[in-house]
């Protein structure tokens, strides 16, 4: 099994909770990403509405589910403000599949793969690079993808637009370089509920190359109780060096 392949787990965790997309003080407030002129009007732009819907997730407890290319499915619950996450994932591995359990308690992530009897591996996420999706500074940021959103349109509670991935502080420079111009215009759609909360985000990566497709994340059951306990000490072992390297590589050279 390739530990490098499992680095996609960190991306999945970040995406399912809607993290790592922007700076909390995004300056982009117009439909073209430009800062608006001073105004006293109460009207908001589609981008401002999208940012507000994303930001609301930061103050909610919720359940989530996600589907992404490569046969990855995930479900879980999260309390973003409390830094608590409990998630189960299934990842296709050739003709077989791998079951992965993930818990986040404060700044420690626990991950277990395979049979129930296997030990949990621990990772101190506070020691990850500043640009890593799982770094606590990014996990506290609930305005998902807002800094990267451009040309946002709204039809009722439905949004559409494109994402300029080069604007994300957690973007991997090597990946951005490989994607070229495609990285600046990735289509997305999103939905919000009657309370103004983001309930769905679909990122269409189909144009990125072979094997790419849509990443769909939904958020529901807001207000759900989230209880996540750390495994017993005897059930935990430090994350192996090779896997730790795969996790820490993401964001190591990204711009702050």
C-alpha atoms as a PDB file:
ATOM      1  CA  UNK A   1       0.000   0.000   0.000  1.00  0.00           C
ATOM      2  CA  UNK A   2       1.312   3.474  -0.881  1.00  0.00           C
ATOM      3  CA  UNK A   3       1.345   5.938   2.022  1.00  0.00           C
ATOM      4  CA  UNK A   4       1.432   8.727  -0.549  1.00  0.00           C
ATOM      5  CA  UNK A   5      -2.010   7.651  -1.769  1.00  0.00           C
ATOM      6  CA  UNK A   6      -3.320   8.065   1.759  1.00  0.00           C
ATOM      7  CA  UNK A   7      -2.318  11.723   1.742  1.00  0.00           C
ATOM      8  CA  UNK A   8      -5.618  12.227  -0.081  1.00  0.00           C
ATOM      9  CA  UNK A   9      -7.267  11.553   3.290  1.00  0.00           C
ATOM     10  CA  UNK A  10      -6.126  14.960   4.544  1.00  0.00           C
ATOM     11  CA  UNK A  11      -7.653  16.641   1.509  1.00  0.00           C
ATOM     12  CA  UNK A  12     -10.889  14.710   2.041  1.00  0.00           C
ATOM     13  CA  UNK A  13     -11.088  15.662   5.712  1.00  0.00           C
ATOM     14  CA  UNK A  14     -10.527  19.310   4.892  1.00  0.00           C
ATOM     15  CA  UNK A  15     -13.061  19.310   2.085  1.00  0.00           C
ATOM     16  CA  UNK A  16     -15.814  17.520   3.980  1.00  0.00           C
ATOM     17  CA  UNK A  17     -15.835  20.129   6.706  1.00  0.00           C
ATOM     18  CA  UNK A  18     -15.452  22.944   4.219  1.00  0.00           C
ATOM     19  CA  UNK A  19     -12.053  24.116   5.399  1.00  0.00           C
ATOM     20  CA  UNK A  20      -8.837  25.458   3.982  1.00  0.00           C
ATOM     21  CA  UNK A  21     -10.364  27.564   1.259  1.00  0.00           C
ATOM     22  CA  UNK A  22      -9.592  31.139   2.180  1.00  0.00           C
ATOM     23  CA  UNK A  23      -8.544  33.757   4.663  1.00  0.00           C
ATOM     24  CA  UNK A  24     -11.285  34.729   7.112  1.00  0.00           C
ATOM     25  CA  UNK A  25     -10.937  38.357   6.109  1.00  0.00           C
ATOM     26  CA  UNK A  26     -11.559  37.885   2.401  1.00  0.00           C
ATOM     27  CA  UNK A  27     -11.393  41.109   0.414  1.00  0.00           C
ATOM     28  CA  UNK A  28     -13.367  39.642  -2.497  1.00  0.00           C
ATOM     29  CA  UNK A  29     -16.908  40.970  -2.329  1.00  0.00           C
ATOM     30  CA  UNK A  30     -17.942  41.533  -5.951  1.00  0.00           C
ATOM     31  CA  UNK A  31     -18.916  39.024  -8.575  1.00  0.00           C
ATOM     32  CA  UNK A  32     -15.523  39.414 -10.273  1.00  0.00           C
ATOM     33  CA  UNK A  33     -13.433  39.182  -7.079  1.00  0.00           C
ATOM     34  CA  UNK A  34     -12.640  42.911  -6.944  1.00  0.00           C
ATOM     35  CA  UNK A  35     -13.074  44.927  -3.750  1.00  0.00           C
ATOM     36  CA  UNK A  36     -16.257  47.019  -3.960  1.00  0.00           C
ATOM     37  CA  UNK A  37     -16.426  50.778  -3.716  1.00  0.00           C
ATOM     38  CA  UNK A  38     -17.643  52.225  -0.413  1.00  0.00           C
ATOM     39  CA  UNK A  39     -21.408  52.254  -0.229  1.00  0.00           C
ATOM     40  CA  UNK A  40     -24.178  52.594   2.294  1.00  0.00           C
ATOM     41  CA  UNK A  41     -26.554  50.360   0.355  1.00  0.00           C
ATOM     42  CA  UNK A  42     -27.889  47.349   2.232  1.00  0.00           C
ATOM     43  CA  UNK A  43     -27.938  45.115  -0.863  1.00  0.00           C
ATOM     44  CA  UNK A  44     -25.401  42.279  -0.971  1.00  0.00           C
ATOM     45  CA  UNK A  45     -23.665  40.670  -3.931  1.00  0.00           C
ATOM     46  CA  UNK A  46     -23.909  36.960  -4.791  1.00  0.00           C
ATOM     47  CA  UNK A  47     -20.321  36.479  -3.598  1.00  0.00           C
ATOM     48  CA  UNK A  48     -21.067  38.137  -0.261  1.00  0.00           C
ATOM     49  CA  UNK A  49     -24.096  35.870   0.156  1.00  0.00           C
ATOM     50  CA  UNK A  50     -21.983  32.801  -0.670  1.00  0.00           C
ATOM     51  CA  UNK A  51     -19.275  33.823   1.805  1.00  0.00           C
ATOM     52  CA  UNK A  52     -21.888  34.408   4.499  1.00  0.00           C
ATOM     53  CA  UNK A  53     -23.451  30.989   3.902  1.00  0.00           C
ATOM     54  CA  UNK A  54     -20.025  29.329   4.146  1.00  0.00           C
ATOM     55  CA  UNK A  55     -19.061  31.288   7.248  1.00  0.00           C
ATOM     56  CA  UNK A  56     -22.214  30.207   9.080  1.00  0.00           C
ATOM     57  CA  UNK A  57     -20.903  26.645   9.178  1.00  0.00           C
ATOM     58  CA  UNK A  58     -18.206  27.770  11.606  1.00  0.00           C
ATOM     59  CA  UNK A  59     -20.753  28.277  14.360  1.00  0.00           C
ATOM     60  CA  UNK A  60     -22.753  25.099  13.779  1.00  0.00           C
ATOM     61  CA  UNK A  61     -22.552  21.464  14.746  1.00  0.00           C
ATOM     62  CA  UNK A  62     -23.591  19.256  11.858  1.00  0.00           C
ATOM     63  CA  UNK A  63     -23.483  15.989   9.995  1.00  0.00           C
ATOM     64  CA  UNK A  64     -21.793  15.703   6.614  1.00  0.00           C
ATOM     65  CA  UNK A  65     -21.327  13.337   3.735  1.00  0.00           C
ATOM     66  CA  UNK A  66     -19.015  13.463   0.779  1.00  0.00           C
ATOM     67  CA  UNK A  67     -18.415  11.692  -2.506  1.00  0.00           C
ATOM     68  CA  UNK A  68     -15.359  12.255  -4.665  1.00  0.00           C
ATOM     69  CA  UNK A  69     -13.566  10.620  -7.622  1.00  0.00           C
ATOM     70  CA  UNK A  70     -11.430   7.586  -6.959  1.00  0.00           C
ATOM     71  CA  UNK A  71     -14.156   5.731  -5.091  1.00  0.00           C
ATOM     72  CA  UNK A  72     -13.948   7.815  -1.910  1.00  0.00           C
ATOM     73  CA  UNK A  73     -17.085   8.109   0.215  1.00  0.00           C
ATOM     74  CA  UNK A  74     -17.204   9.722   3.657  1.00  0.00           C
ATOM     75  CA  UNK A  75     -19.765  10.452   6.358  1.00  0.00           C
ATOM     76  CA  UNK A  76     -19.374  12.093   9.717  1.00  0.00           C
ATOM     77  CA  UNK A  77     -20.264  14.781  12.216  1.00  0.00           C
ATOM     78  CA  UNK A  78     -18.358  17.865  13.262  1.00  0.00           C
ATOM     79  CA  UNK A  79     -18.222  20.734  15.708  1.00  0.00           C
ATOM     80  CA  UNK A  80     -15.890  23.159  13.918  1.00  0.00           C
ATOM     81  CA  UNK A  81     -15.682  25.678  16.743  1.00  0.00           C
ATOM     82  CA  UNK A  82     -14.899  22.907  19.225  1.00  0.00           C
ATOM     83  CA  UNK A  83     -12.376  21.214  16.906  1.00  0.00           C
ATOM     84  CA  UNK A  84     -14.233  17.918  17.063  1.00  0.00           C
ATOM     85  CA  UNK A  85     -14.717  15.538  14.140  1.00  0.00           C
ATOM     86  CA  UNK A  86     -15.853  11.930  13.867  1.00  0.00           C
ATOM     87  CA  UNK A  87     -15.728  10.478  10.379  1.00  0.00           C
ATOM     88  CA  UNK A  88     -15.778   7.164   8.542  1.00  0.00           C
ATOM     89  CA  UNK A  89     -14.393   6.844   5.028  1.00  0.00           C
ATOM     90  CA  UNK A  90     -14.238   4.166   2.361  1.00  0.00           C
ATOM     91  CA  UNK A  91     -11.474   4.412  -0.217  1.00  0.00           C
ATOM     92  CA  UNK A  92     -11.244   2.212  -3.320  1.00  0.00           C
ATOM     93  CA  UNK A  93      -7.905   0.403  -3.558  1.00  0.00           C
ATOM     94  CA  UNK A  94      -7.921  -1.412  -6.896  1.00  0.00           C
ATOM     95  CA  UNK A  95     -10.405  -4.277  -6.710  1.00  0.00           C
ATOM     96  CA  UNK A  96     -10.732  -3.888  -2.927  1.00  0.00           C
ATOM     97  CA  UNK A  97     -11.670  -1.073  -0.573  1.00  0.00           C
ATOM     98  CA  UNK A  98     -10.116   0.361   2.554  1.00  0.00           C
ATOM     99  CA  UNK A  99     -12.149   1.469   5.568  1.00  0.00           C
ATOM    100  CA  UNK A 100     -10.757   4.452   7.450  1.00  0.00           C
ATOM    101  CA  UNK A 101     -11.952   5.932  10.739  1.00  0.00           C
ATOM    102  CA  UNK A 102     -10.893   9.464  11.717  1.00  0.00           C
ATOM    103  CA  UNK A 103     -11.376  11.380  14.939  1.00  0.00           C
ATOM    104  CA  UNK A 104     -10.264  14.886  15.736  1.00  0.00           C
ATOM    105  CA  UNK A 105     -10.097  15.906  19.386  1.00  0.00           C
ATOM    106  CA  UNK A 106      -8.659  19.373  19.855  1.00  0.00           C
ATOM    107  CA  UNK A 107      -5.373  19.445  17.969  1.00  0.00           C
ATOM    108  CA  UNK A 108      -4.862  15.687  17.812  1.00  0.00           C
ATOM    109  CA  UNK A 109      -6.091  13.596  14.909  1.00  0.00           C
ATOM    110  CA  UNK A 110      -6.540   9.851  15.336  1.00  0.00           C
ATOM    111  CA  UNK A 111      -6.801   7.578  12.307  1.00  0.00           C
ATOM    112  CA  UNK A 112      -7.395   3.850  12.042  1.00  0.00           C
ATOM    113  CA  UNK A 113      -7.355   1.841   8.832  1.00  0.00           C
ATOM    114  CA  UNK A 114      -8.523  -1.698   8.193  1.00  0.00           C
ATOM    115  CA  UNK A 115      -9.731  -4.225  10.781  1.00  0.00           C
ATOM    116  CA  UNK A 116     -11.354  -3.122  14.019  1.00  0.00           C
ATOM    117  CA  UNK A 117      -8.506  -4.514  16.112  1.00  0.00           C
ATOM    118  CA  UNK A 118      -5.875  -2.286  14.520  1.00  0.00           C
ATOM    119  CA  UNK A 119      -4.420   0.533  16.608  1.00  0.00           C
ATOM    120  CA  UNK A 120      -5.237   4.194  16.137  1.00  0.00           C
ATOM    121  CA  UNK A 121      -2.434   6.357  14.744  1.00  0.00           C
ATOM    122  CA  UNK A 122      -2.081   9.842  16.226  1.00  0.00           C
ATOM    123  CA  UNK A 123      -0.982  13.104  14.635  1.00  0.00           C
ATOM    124  CA  UNK A 124      -0.502  16.489  16.323  1.00  0.00           C
ATOM    125  CA  UNK A 125      -2.047  18.752  13.685  1.00  0.00           C
ATOM    126  CA  UNK A 126      -0.640  21.862  15.367  1.00  0.00           C
ATOM    127  CA  UNK A 127       2.787  20.827  14.063  1.00  0.00           C
ATOM    128  CA  UNK A 128       1.703  20.688  10.420  1.00  0.00           C
ATOM    129  CA  UNK A 129       2.944  23.363   7.954  1.00  0.00           C
ATOM    130  CA  UNK A 130       1.089  26.687   7.978  1.00  0.00           C
ATOM    131  CA  UNK A 131      -0.397  25.960   4.548  1.00  0.00           C
ATOM    132  CA  UNK A 132      -1.659  22.480   5.465  1.00  0.00           C
ATOM    133  CA  UNK A 133      -5.439  21.973   5.291  1.00  0.00           C
ATOM    134  CA  UNK A 134      -5.423  20.343   8.728  1.00  0.00           C
ATOM    135  CA  UNK A 135      -3.385  23.010  10.486  1.00  0.00           C
ATOM    136  CA  UNK A 136      -5.569  24.425  13.320  1.00  0.00           C
ATOM    137  CA  UNK A 137      -5.252  27.933  11.888  1.00  0.00           C
ATOM    138  CA  UNK A 138      -6.961  26.725   8.719  1.00  0.00           C
ATOM    139  CA  UNK A 139      -9.418  24.464  10.509  1.00  0.00           C
ATOM    140  CA  UNK A 140     -10.741  27.451  12.420  1.00  0.00           C
ATOM    141  CA  UNK A 141     -11.570  29.077   9.083  1.00  0.00           C
ATOM    142  CA  UNK A 142     -15.136  28.295   7.976  1.00  0.00           C
ATOM    143  CA  UNK A 143     -15.403  30.499   4.870  1.00  0.00           C
ATOM    144  CA  UNK A 144     -14.911  27.548   2.555  1.00  0.00           C
ATOM    145  CA  UNK A 145     -13.363  28.383  -0.805  1.00  0.00           C
ATOM    146  CA  UNK A 146     -14.517  32.003  -0.524  1.00  0.00           C
ATOM    147  CA  UNK A 147     -11.168  33.596  -1.328  1.00  0.00           C
ATOM    148  CA  UNK A 148     -10.982  31.458  -4.459  1.00  0.00           C
ATOM    149  CA  UNK A 149     -14.566  32.114  -5.630  1.00  0.00           C
ATOM    150  CA  UNK A 150     -15.010  34.357  -8.668  1.00  0.00           C
ATOM    151  CA  UNK A 151     -17.848  35.181 -11.066  1.00  0.00           C
ATOM    152  CA  UNK A 152     -20.404  34.045  -8.489  1.00  0.00           C
ATOM    153  CA  UNK A 153     -24.060  34.114  -9.519  1.00  0.00           C
ATOM    154  CA  UNK A 154     -27.134  33.467  -7.385  1.00  0.00           C
ATOM    155  CA  UNK A 155     -30.601  32.219  -8.313  1.00  0.00           C
ATOM    156  CA  UNK A 156     -32.654  32.185  -5.136  1.00  0.00           C
ATOM    157  CA  UNK A 157     -30.729  29.954  -2.741  1.00  0.00           C
ATOM    158  CA  UNK A 158     -28.602  28.372  -5.495  1.00  0.00           C
ATOM    159  CA  UNK A 159     -25.112  29.587  -6.363  1.00  0.00           C
ATOM    160  CA  UNK A 160     -22.806  28.948  -9.296  1.00  0.00           C
ATOM    161  CA  UNK A 161     -19.395  30.232 -10.273  1.00  0.00           C
ATOM    162  CA  UNK A 162     -15.773  29.250 -10.621  1.00  0.00           C
ATOM    163  CA  UNK A 163     -12.889  28.746  -8.202  1.00  0.00           C
ATOM    164  CA  UNK A 164      -9.433  30.156  -8.772  1.00  0.00           C
ATOM    165  CA  UNK A 165      -7.413  27.573  -6.845  1.00  0.00           C
ATOM    166  CA  UNK A 166      -4.268  29.695  -7.076  1.00  0.00           C
ATOM    167  CA  UNK A 167      -5.824  32.060  -4.516  1.00  0.00           C
ATOM    168  CA  UNK A 168      -6.106  29.411  -1.817  1.00  0.00           C
ATOM    169  CA  UNK A 169      -3.441  29.660   0.921  1.00  0.00           C
ATOM    170  CA  UNK A 170      -3.464  25.831   1.138  1.00  0.00           C
ATOM    171  CA  UNK A 171      -2.914  25.297  -2.588  1.00  0.00           C
ATOM    172  CA  UNK A 172       0.003  23.024  -3.452  1.00  0.00           C
ATOM    173  CA  UNK A 173       2.345  24.921  -5.812  1.00  0.00           C
ATOM    174  CA  UNK A 174       3.389  21.789  -7.702  1.00  0.00           C
ATOM    175  CA  UNK A 175      -0.216  20.758  -8.314  1.00  0.00           C
ATOM    176  CA  UNK A 176      -1.161  24.278  -9.394  1.00  0.00           C
ATOM    177  CA  UNK A 177       1.783  24.328 -11.803  1.00  0.00           C
ATOM    178  CA  UNK A 178       0.759  20.983 -13.303  1.00  0.00           C
ATOM    179  CA  UNK A 179      -2.835  22.123 -13.818  1.00  0.00           C
ATOM    180  CA  UNK A 180      -1.781  25.362 -15.491  1.00  0.00           C
ATOM    181  CA  UNK A 181      -4.597  27.687 -16.577  1.00  0.00           C
ATOM    182  CA  UNK A 182      -7.208  25.077 -15.612  1.00  0.00           C
ATOM    183  CA  UNK A 183      -6.563  25.819 -11.939  1.00  0.00           C
ATOM    184  CA  UNK A 184      -7.926  29.349 -12.270  1.00  0.00           C
ATOM    185  CA  UNK A 185     -11.423  28.378 -13.439  1.00  0.00           C
ATOM    186  CA  UNK A 186     -12.871  25.303 -11.712  1.00  0.00           C
ATOM    187  CA  UNK A 187     -16.706  25.294 -11.907  1.00  0.00           C
ATOM    188  CA  UNK A 188     -18.758  24.932  -8.734  1.00  0.00           C
ATOM    189  CA  UNK A 189     -22.364  25.048  -7.567  1.00  0.00           C
ATOM    190  CA  UNK A 190     -23.677  25.481  -4.035  1.00  0.00           C
ATOM    191  CA  UNK A 191     -26.925  25.660  -2.085  1.00  0.00           C
ATOM    192  CA  UNK A 192     -28.040  27.315   1.144  1.00  0.00           C
ATOM    193  CA  UNK A 193     -31.031  26.676   3.378  1.00  0.00           C
ATOM    194  CA  UNK A 194     -33.693  29.041   4.716  1.00  0.00           C
ATOM    195  CA  UNK A 195     -31.385  29.894   7.647  1.00  0.00           C
ATOM    196  CA  UNK A 196     -28.677  31.057   5.253  1.00  0.00           C
ATOM    197  CA  UNK A 197     -26.357  28.086   5.891  1.00  0.00           C
ATOM    198  CA  UNK A 198     -24.402  26.313   3.185  1.00  0.00           C
ATOM    199  CA  UNK A 199     -25.946  22.871   2.657  1.00  0.00           C
ATOM    200  CA  UNK A 200     -24.228  21.632  -0.497  1.00  0.00           C
ATOM    201  CA  UNK A 201     -21.020  22.293  -2.401  1.00  0.00           C
ATOM    202  CA  UNK A 202     -20.230  20.606  -5.730  1.00  0.00           C
ATOM    203  CA  UNK A 203     -16.820  21.197  -7.302  1.00  0.00           C
ATOM    204  CA  UNK A 204     -16.538  19.943 -10.882  1.00  0.00           C
ATOM    205  CA  UNK A 205     -12.986  18.758 -11.466  1.00  0.00           C
ATOM    206  CA  UNK A 206     -13.898  16.913 -14.677  1.00  0.00           C
ATOM    207  CA  UNK A 207     -11.777  19.236 -16.783  1.00  0.00           C
ATOM    208  CA  UNK A 208      -8.674  18.632 -14.700  1.00  0.00           C
ATOM    209  CA  UNK A 209      -7.704  15.375 -16.419  1.00  0.00           C
ATOM    210  CA  UNK A 210      -8.268  11.628 -16.541  1.00  0.00           C
ATOM    211  CA  UNK A 211      -9.959  10.225 -13.448  1.00  0.00           C
ATOM    212  CA  UNK A 212     -11.164  13.590 -12.237  1.00  0.00           C
ATOM    213  CA  UNK A 213     -14.830  14.289 -11.564  1.00  0.00           C
ATOM    214  CA  UNK A 214     -17.219  16.012  -9.196  1.00  0.00           C
ATOM    215  CA  UNK A 215     -16.569  16.422  -5.468  1.00  0.00           C
ATOM    216  CA  UNK A 216     -19.927  16.673  -3.705  1.00  0.00           C
ATOM    217  CA  UNK A 217     -20.207  17.623  -0.032  1.00  0.00           C
ATOM    218  CA  UNK A 218     -23.504  18.053   1.821  1.00  0.00           C
ATOM    219  CA  UNK A 219     -24.111  19.463   5.313  1.00  0.00           C
ATOM    220  CA  UNK A 220     -27.248  18.571   7.290  1.00  0.00           C
ATOM    221  CA  UNK A 221     -28.755  17.911  10.743  1.00  0.00           C
ATOM    222  CA  UNK A 222     -27.498  21.238  12.067  1.00  0.00           C
ATOM    223  CA  UNK A 223     -27.415  21.409  15.856  1.00  0.00           C
ATOM    224  CA  UNK A 224     -26.713  17.700  16.220  1.00  0.00           C
ATOM    225  CA  UNK A 225     -24.823  16.660  19.361  1.00  0.00           C
ATOM    226  CA  UNK A 226     -21.176  15.875  18.600  1.00  0.00           C
ATOM    227  CA  UNK A 227     -19.348  13.771  21.189  1.00  0.00           C
ATOM    228  CA  UNK A 228     -15.873  12.655  20.149  1.00  0.00           C
ATOM    229  CA  UNK A 229     -13.575  10.896  22.602  1.00  0.00           C
ATOM    230  CA  UNK A 230      -9.885  10.175  22.196  1.00  0.00           C
ATOM    231  CA  UNK A 231      -9.085   6.445  22.047  1.00  0.00           C
ATOM    232  CA  UNK A 232      -7.615   4.834  25.142  1.00  0.00           C
ATOM    233  CA  UNK A 233      -3.850   5.359  25.413  1.00  0.00           C
ATOM    234  CA  UNK A 234      -3.196   1.647  24.951  1.00  0.00           C
ATOM    235  CA  UNK A 235      -4.986   1.733  21.597  1.00  0.00           C
ATOM    236  CA  UNK A 236      -2.869   4.548  20.163  1.00  0.00           C
ATOM    237  CA  UNK A 237       0.504   4.550  18.425  1.00  0.00           C
ATOM    238  CA  UNK A 238       2.378   7.434  16.752  1.00  0.00           C
ATOM    239  CA  UNK A 239       1.761   7.791  13.027  1.00  0.00           C
ATOM    240  CA  UNK A 240       4.461   5.955  11.019  1.00  0.00           C
ATOM    241  CA  UNK A 241       7.172   8.205   9.587  1.00  0.00           C
ATOM    242  CA  UNK A 242       6.293   7.514   5.929  1.00  0.00           C
ATOM    243  CA  UNK A 243       2.631   8.339   6.437  1.00  0.00           C
ATOM    244  CA  UNK A 244       3.510  11.406   8.500  1.00  0.00           C
ATOM    245  CA  UNK A 245       5.688  12.576   5.606  1.00  0.00           C
ATOM    246  CA  UNK A 246       2.746  12.202   3.201  1.00  0.00           C
ATOM    247  CA  UNK A 247       0.495  14.298   5.460  1.00  0.00           C
ATOM    248  CA  UNK A 248       3.032  17.026   6.208  1.00  0.00           C
ATOM    249  CA  UNK A 249       4.055  17.424   2.559  1.00  0.00           C
ATOM    250  CA  UNK A 250       0.719  19.135   1.803  1.00  0.00           C
ATOM    251  CA  UNK A 251       1.103  22.842   2.474  1.00  0.00           C
ATOM    252  CA  UNK A 252       4.830  22.667   3.218  1.00  0.00           C
ATOM    253  CA  UNK A 253       5.670  24.985   0.309  1.00  0.00           C
ATOM    254  CA  UNK A 254       2.356  26.776  -0.063  1.00  0.00           C
ATOM    255  CA  UNK A 255       2.288  30.529   0.290  1.00  0.00           C
ATOM    256  CA  UNK A 256       0.955  31.925   3.526  1.00  0.00           C
END
